[in-house]
């Protein structure tokens, strides 16, 4: 199923769940087997979709996207 522009990918949801737990980029990268730079790229895209500018705002808005 194709996602719309506002839907989060599975990876974005995974990262959002981990930052909600207070994990750092390094910890998220280790947990998901990614590089820190890849996590940063996912976060940049995630912030754009959520229309936020930082982790705190993303965490607050995450309830709308995590079911």
PDB file of N, CA and C in Angstrom:
ATOM      1  N   UNK A   1       0.843  -1.176   0.000  1.00  0.00           N
ATOM      2  CA  UNK A   1       0.000   0.000   0.000  1.00  0.00           C
ATOM      3  C   UNK A   1       0.889   1.240   0.000  1.00  0.00           C
ATOM      4  N   UNK A   2       0.682   2.144  -0.909  1.00  0.00           N
ATOM      5  CA  UNK A   2       1.466   3.366  -0.993  1.00  0.00           C
ATOM      6  C   UNK A   2       1.033   4.327   0.106  1.00  0.00           C
ATOM      7  N   UNK A   3       1.997   5.051   0.658  1.00  0.00           N
ATOM      8  CA  UNK A   3       1.664   5.991   1.718  1.00  0.00           C
ATOM      9  C   UNK A   3       1.465   7.383   1.139  1.00  0.00           C
ATOM     10  N   UNK A   4       0.618   8.144   1.798  1.00  0.00           N
ATOM     11  CA  UNK A   4       0.441   9.526   1.383  1.00  0.00           C
ATOM     12  C   UNK A   4       1.568  10.341   1.993  1.00  0.00           C
ATOM     13  N   UNK A   5       1.685  11.601   1.587  1.00  0.00           N
ATOM     14  CA  UNK A   5       2.768  12.443   2.068  1.00  0.00           C
ATOM     15  C   UNK A   5       2.763  12.614   3.584  1.00  0.00           C
ATOM     16  N   UNK A   6       1.594  12.572   4.212  1.00  0.00           N
ATOM     17  CA  UNK A   6       1.510  12.804   5.650  1.00  0.00           C
ATOM     18  C   UNK A   6       1.661  11.541   6.486  1.00  0.00           C
ATOM     19  N   UNK A   7       1.619  10.387   5.867  1.00  0.00           N
ATOM     20  CA  UNK A   7       1.778   9.145   6.614  1.00  0.00           C
ATOM     21  C   UNK A   7       3.249   8.908   6.918  1.00  0.00           C
ATOM     22  N   UNK A   8       3.496   8.327   8.077  1.00  0.00           N
ATOM     23  CA  UNK A   8       4.863   7.992   8.452  1.00  0.00           C
ATOM     24  C   UNK A   8       5.208   6.598   7.949  1.00  0.00           C
ATOM     25  N   UNK A   9       6.449   6.432   7.538  1.00  0.00           N
ATOM     26  CA  UNK A   9       6.920   5.103   7.163  1.00  0.00           C
ATOM     27  C   UNK A   9       7.120   4.281   8.428  1.00  0.00           C
ATOM     28  N   UNK A  10       7.265   2.989   8.271  1.00  0.00           N
ATOM     29  CA  UNK A  10       7.524   2.127   9.428  1.00  0.00           C
ATOM     30  C   UNK A  10       8.791   2.576  10.146  1.00  0.00           C
ATOM     31  N   UNK A  11       9.827   2.893   9.386  1.00  0.00           N
ATOM     32  CA  UNK A  11      11.092   3.328   9.986  1.00  0.00           C
ATOM     33  C   UNK A  11      10.914   4.632  10.755  1.00  0.00           C
ATOM     34  N   UNK A  12      10.151   5.564  10.202  1.00  0.00           N
ATOM     35  CA  UNK A  12       9.895   6.823  10.902  1.00  0.00           C
ATOM     36  C   UNK A  12       9.118   6.583  12.188  1.00  0.00           C
ATOM     37  N   UNK A  13       8.149   5.671  12.152  1.00  0.00           N
ATOM     38  CA  UNK A  13       7.410   5.339  13.381  1.00  0.00           C
ATOM     39  C   UNK A  13       8.334   4.700  14.403  1.00  0.00           C
ATOM     40  N   UNK A  14       9.221   3.806  13.945  1.00  0.00           N
ATOM     41  CA  UNK A  14      10.188   3.167  14.854  1.00  0.00           C
ATOM     42  C   UNK A  14      11.059   4.215  15.535  1.00  0.00           C
ATOM     43  N   UNK A  15      11.570   5.148  14.746  1.00  0.00           N
ATOM     44  CA  UNK A  15      12.430   6.194  15.294  1.00  0.00           C
ATOM     45  C   UNK A  15      11.649   7.090  16.245  1.00  0.00           C
ATOM     46  N   UNK A  16      10.431   7.432  15.881  1.00  0.00           N
ATOM     47  CA  UNK A  16       9.599   8.269  16.740  1.00  0.00           C
ATOM     48  C   UNK A  16       9.348   7.595  18.084  1.00  0.00           C
ATOM     49  N   UNK A  17       9.073   6.313  18.062  1.00  0.00           N
ATOM     50  CA  UNK A  17       8.872   5.588  19.322  1.00  0.00           C
ATOM     51  C   UNK A  17      10.119   5.635  20.196  1.00  0.00           C
ATOM     52  N   UNK A  18      11.289   5.501  19.586  1.00  0.00           N
ATOM     53  CA  UNK A  18      12.536   5.513  20.359  1.00  0.00           C
ATOM     54  C   UNK A  18      12.862   6.904  20.893  1.00  0.00           C
ATOM     55  N   UNK A  19      12.594   7.949  20.113  1.00  0.00           N
ATOM     56  CA  UNK A  19      12.875   9.284  20.658  1.00  0.00           C
ATOM     57  C   UNK A  19      11.865   9.653  21.740  1.00  0.00           C
ATOM     58  N   UNK A  20      10.684   9.072  21.672  1.00  0.00           N
ATOM     59  CA  UNK A  20       9.714   9.276  22.762  1.00  0.00           C
ATOM     60  C   UNK A  20      10.231   8.689  24.066  1.00  0.00           C
ATOM     61  N   UNK A  21      11.085   7.672  23.949  1.00  0.00           N
ATOM     62  CA  UNK A  21      11.689   7.056  25.133  1.00  0.00           C
ATOM     63  C   UNK A  21      12.914   7.823  25.617  1.00  0.00           C
ATOM     64  N   UNK A  22      13.263   8.895  24.897  1.00  0.00           N
ATOM     65  CA  UNK A  22      14.390   9.717  25.305  1.00  0.00           C
ATOM     66  C   UNK A  22      15.737   9.255  24.772  1.00  0.00           C
ATOM     67  N   UNK A  23      15.718   8.372  23.780  1.00  0.00           N
ATOM     68  CA  UNK A  23      16.974   7.863  23.235  1.00  0.00           C
ATOM     69  C   UNK A  23      17.665   8.916  22.381  1.00  0.00           C
ATOM     70  N   UNK A  24      18.992   8.887  22.417  1.00  0.00           N
ATOM     71  CA  UNK A  24      19.801   9.783  21.591  1.00  0.00           C
ATOM     72  C   UNK A  24      19.867   9.236  20.172  1.00  0.00           C
ATOM     73  N   UNK A  25      20.367  10.055  19.244  1.00  0.00           N
ATOM     74  CA  UNK A  25      20.545   9.580  17.871  1.00  0.00           C
ATOM     75  C   UNK A  25      21.451   8.353  17.837  1.00  0.00           C
ATOM     76  N   UNK A  26      22.501   8.372  18.632  1.00  0.00           N
ATOM     77  CA  UNK A  26      23.434   7.240  18.673  1.00  0.00           C
ATOM     78  C   UNK A  26      22.733   5.978  19.171  1.00  0.00           C
ATOM     79  N   UNK A  27      21.924   6.104  20.207  1.00  0.00           N
ATOM     80  CA  UNK A  27      21.190   4.954  20.742  1.00  0.00           C
ATOM     81  C   UNK A  27      20.160   4.435  19.738  1.00  0.00           C
ATOM     82  N   UNK A  28      19.470   5.344  19.067  1.00  0.00           N
ATOM     83  CA  UNK A  28      18.494   4.947  18.042  1.00  0.00           C
ATOM     84  C   UNK A  28      19.217   4.185  16.937  1.00  0.00           C
ATOM     85  N   UNK A  29      20.351   4.720  16.503  1.00  0.00           N
ATOM     86  CA  UNK A  29      21.133   4.072  15.442  1.00  0.00           C
ATOM     87  C   UNK A  29      21.549   2.662  15.858  1.00  0.00           C
ATOM     88  N   UNK A  30      22.035   2.515  17.076  1.00  0.00           N
ATOM     89  CA  UNK A  30      22.445   1.198  17.565  1.00  0.00           C
ATOM     90  C   UNK A  30      21.259   0.245  17.647  1.00  0.00           C
ATOM     91  N   UNK A  31      20.142   0.721  18.153  1.00  0.00           N
ATOM     92  CA  UNK A  31      18.953  -0.129  18.308  1.00  0.00           C
ATOM     93  C   UNK A  31      18.423  -0.618  16.958  1.00  0.00           C
ATOM     94  N   UNK A  32      18.521   0.227  15.929  1.00  0.00           N
ATOM     95  CA  UNK A  32      17.942  -0.102  14.626  1.00  0.00           C
ATOM     96  C   UNK A  32      18.975  -0.576  13.608  1.00  0.00           C
ATOM     97  N   UNK A  33      20.247  -0.615  13.998  1.00  0.00           N
ATOM     98  CA  UNK A  33      21.291  -1.065  13.077  1.00  0.00           C
ATOM     99  C   UNK A  33      21.538  -0.085  11.944  1.00  0.00           C
ATOM    100  N   UNK A  34      21.457   1.199  12.254  1.00  0.00           N
ATOM    101  CA  UNK A  34      21.648   2.253  11.264  1.00  0.00           C
ATOM    102  C   UNK A  34      22.844   3.113  11.658  1.00  0.00           C
ATOM    103  N   UNK A  35      23.292   3.944  10.732  1.00  0.00           N
ATOM    104  CA  UNK A  35      24.312   4.936  11.079  1.00  0.00           C
ATOM    105  C   UNK A  35      23.619   6.141  11.715  1.00  0.00           C
ATOM    106  N   UNK A  36      24.384   6.913  12.467  1.00  0.00           N
ATOM    107  CA  UNK A  36      23.837   8.123  13.079  1.00  0.00           C
ATOM    108  C   UNK A  36      23.372   9.085  11.989  1.00  0.00           C
ATOM    109  N   UNK A  37      24.112   9.178  10.892  1.00  0.00           N
ATOM    110  CA  UNK A  37      23.708  10.071   9.806  1.00  0.00           C
ATOM    111  C   UNK A  37      22.380   9.645   9.190  1.00  0.00           C
ATOM    112  N   UNK A  38      22.141   8.349   9.081  1.00  0.00           N
ATOM    113  CA  UNK A  38      20.863   7.863   8.555  1.00  0.00           C
ATOM    114  C   UNK A  38      19.729   8.231   9.512  1.00  0.00           C
ATOM    115  N   UNK A  39      19.962   8.109  10.795  1.00  0.00           N
ATOM    116  CA  UNK A  39      18.953   8.498  11.788  1.00  0.00           C
ATOM    117  C   UNK A  39      18.651   9.990  11.646  1.00  0.00           C
ATOM    118  N   UNK A  40      19.688  10.804  11.479  1.00  0.00           N
ATOM    119  CA  UNK A  40      19.483  12.247  11.330  1.00  0.00           C
ATOM    120  C   UNK A  40      18.651  12.559  10.085  1.00  0.00           C
ATOM    121  N   UNK A  41      18.898  11.831   9.007  1.00  0.00           N
ATOM    122  CA  UNK A  41      18.118  12.032   7.785  1.00  0.00           C
ATOM    123  C   UNK A  41      16.659  11.665   8.009  1.00  0.00           C
ATOM    124  N   UNK A  42      16.432  10.522   8.670  1.00  0.00           N
ATOM    125  CA  UNK A  42      15.057  10.115   8.979  1.00  0.00           C
ATOM    126  C   UNK A  42      14.376  11.155   9.868  1.00  0.00           C
ATOM    127  N   UNK A  43      15.106  11.689  10.848  1.00  0.00           N
ATOM    128  CA  UNK A  43      14.523  12.692  11.740  1.00  0.00           C
ATOM    129  C   UNK A  43      14.166  13.966  10.977  1.00  0.00           C
ATOM    130  N   UNK A  44      15.034  14.392  10.070  1.00  0.00           N
ATOM    131  CA  UNK A  44      14.751  15.584   9.264  1.00  0.00           C
ATOM    132  C   UNK A  44      13.460  15.399   8.480  1.00  0.00           C
ATOM    133  N   UNK A  45      13.315  14.233   7.844  1.00  0.00           N
ATOM    134  CA  UNK A  45      12.099  13.942   7.076  1.00  0.00           C
ATOM    135  C   UNK A  45      10.878  13.821   7.990  1.00  0.00           C
ATOM    136  N   UNK A  46      11.074  13.203   9.135  1.00  0.00           N
ATOM    137  CA  UNK A  46      10.003  13.044  10.119  1.00  0.00           C
ATOM    138  C   UNK A  46       9.531  14.404  10.625  1.00  0.00           C
ATOM    139  N   UNK A  47      10.467  15.285  10.954  1.00  0.00           N
ATOM    140  CA  UNK A  47      10.097  16.615  11.435  1.00  0.00           C
ATOM    141  C   UNK A  47       9.308  17.369  10.372  1.00  0.00           C
ATOM    142  N   UNK A  48       9.690  17.194   9.118  1.00  0.00           N
ATOM    143  CA  UNK A  48       8.955  17.836   8.034  1.00  0.00           C
ATOM    144  C   UNK A  48       7.525  17.340   7.943  1.00  0.00           C
ATOM    145  N   UNK A  49       7.350  16.031   8.038  1.00  0.00           N
ATOM    146  CA  UNK A  49       5.994  15.472   7.966  1.00  0.00           C
ATOM    147  C   UNK A  49       5.137  15.909   9.149  1.00  0.00           C
ATOM    148  N   UNK A  50       5.766  15.987  10.328  1.00  0.00           N
ATOM    149  CA  UNK A  50       5.024  16.383  11.528  1.00  0.00           C
ATOM    150  C   UNK A  50       4.870  17.896  11.637  1.00  0.00           C
ATOM    151  N   UNK A  51       5.588  18.622  10.786  1.00  0.00           N
ATOM    152  CA  UNK A  51       5.605  20.084  10.814  1.00  0.00           C
ATOM    153  C   UNK A  51       6.078  20.607  12.167  1.00  0.00           C
ATOM    154  N   UNK A  52       7.217  20.050  12.609  1.00  0.00           N
ATOM    155  CA  UNK A  52       7.857  20.465  13.853  1.00  0.00           C
ATOM    156  C   UNK A  52       9.324  20.745  13.562  1.00  0.00           C
ATOM    157  N   UNK A  53      10.013  21.322  14.544  1.00  0.00           N
ATOM    158  CA  UNK A  53      11.420  21.659  14.339  1.00  0.00           C
ATOM    159  C   UNK A  53      12.373  20.979  15.310  1.00  0.00           C
ATOM    160  N   UNK A  54      11.838  20.210  16.276  1.00  0.00           N
ATOM    161  CA  UNK A  54      12.733  19.548  17.224  1.00  0.00           C
ATOM    162  C   UNK A  54      12.092  18.295  17.818  1.00  0.00           C
ATOM    163  N   UNK A  55      12.901  17.549  18.557  1.00  0.00           N
ATOM    164  CA  UNK A  55      12.473  16.271  19.142  1.00  0.00           C
ATOM    165  C   UNK A  55      11.323  16.444  20.128  1.00  0.00           C
ATOM    166  N   UNK A  56      11.381  17.494  20.926  1.00  0.00           N
ATOM    167  CA  UNK A  56      10.334  17.717  21.924  1.00  0.00           C
ATOM    168  C   UNK A  56       8.985  17.917  21.245  1.00  0.00           C
ATOM    169  N   UNK A  57       8.963  18.754  20.216  1.00  0.00           N
ATOM    170  CA  UNK A  57       7.725  18.981  19.477  1.00  0.00           C
ATOM    171  C   UNK A  57       7.250  17.692  18.813  1.00  0.00           C
ATOM    172  N   UNK A  58       8.175  16.922  18.268  1.00  0.00           N
ATOM    173  CA  UNK A  58       7.820  15.650  17.617  1.00  0.00           C
ATOM    174  C   UNK A  58       7.201  14.691  18.629  1.00  0.00           C
ATOM    175  N   UNK A  59       7.789  14.637  19.811  1.00  0.00           N
ATOM    176  CA  UNK A  59       7.260  13.757  20.857  1.00  0.00           C
ATOM    177  C   UNK A  59       5.838  14.167  21.246  1.00  0.00           C
ATOM    178  N   UNK A  60       5.622  15.458  21.391  1.00  0.00           N
ATOM    179  CA  UNK A  60       4.290  15.944  21.759  1.00  0.00           C
ATOM    180  C   UNK A  60       3.263  15.651  20.673  1.00  0.00           C
ATOM    181  N   UNK A  61       3.668  15.763  19.418  1.00  0.00           N
ATOM    182  CA  UNK A  61       2.749  15.554  18.303  1.00  0.00           C
ATOM    183  C   UNK A  61       2.604  14.074  17.935  1.00  0.00           C
ATOM    184  N   UNK A  62       3.438  13.224  18.474  1.00  0.00           N
ATOM    185  CA  UNK A  62       3.500  11.826  18.074  1.00  0.00           C
ATOM    186  C   UNK A  62       2.210  11.048  18.340  1.00  0.00           C
ATOM    187  N   UNK A  63       1.418  11.446  19.295  1.00  0.00           N
ATOM    188  CA  UNK A  63       0.182  10.739  19.607  1.00  0.00           C
ATOM    189  C   UNK A  63      -0.748  10.646  18.408  1.00  0.00           C
ATOM    190  N   UNK A  64      -0.672  11.616  17.517  1.00  0.00           N
ATOM    191  CA  UNK A  64      -1.519  11.615  16.318  1.00  0.00           C
ATOM    192  C   UNK A  64      -1.088  10.556  15.314  1.00  0.00           C
ATOM    193  N   UNK A  65       0.160  10.089  15.433  1.00  0.00           N
ATOM    194  CA  UNK A  65       0.726   9.206  14.418  1.00  0.00           C
ATOM    195  C   UNK A  65       1.028   7.798  14.905  1.00  0.00           C
ATOM    196  N   UNK A  66       1.122   7.624  16.206  1.00  0.00           N
ATOM    197  CA  UNK A  66       1.438   6.309  16.781  1.00  0.00           C
ATOM    198  C   UNK A  66       0.157   5.705  17.327  1.00  0.00           C
ATOM    199  N   UNK A  67      -0.221   4.554  16.773  1.00  0.00           N
ATOM    200  CA  UNK A  67      -1.481   3.921  17.192  1.00  0.00           C
ATOM    201  C   UNK A  67      -1.195   2.642  17.939  1.00  0.00           C
TER     202      UNK A  67
END
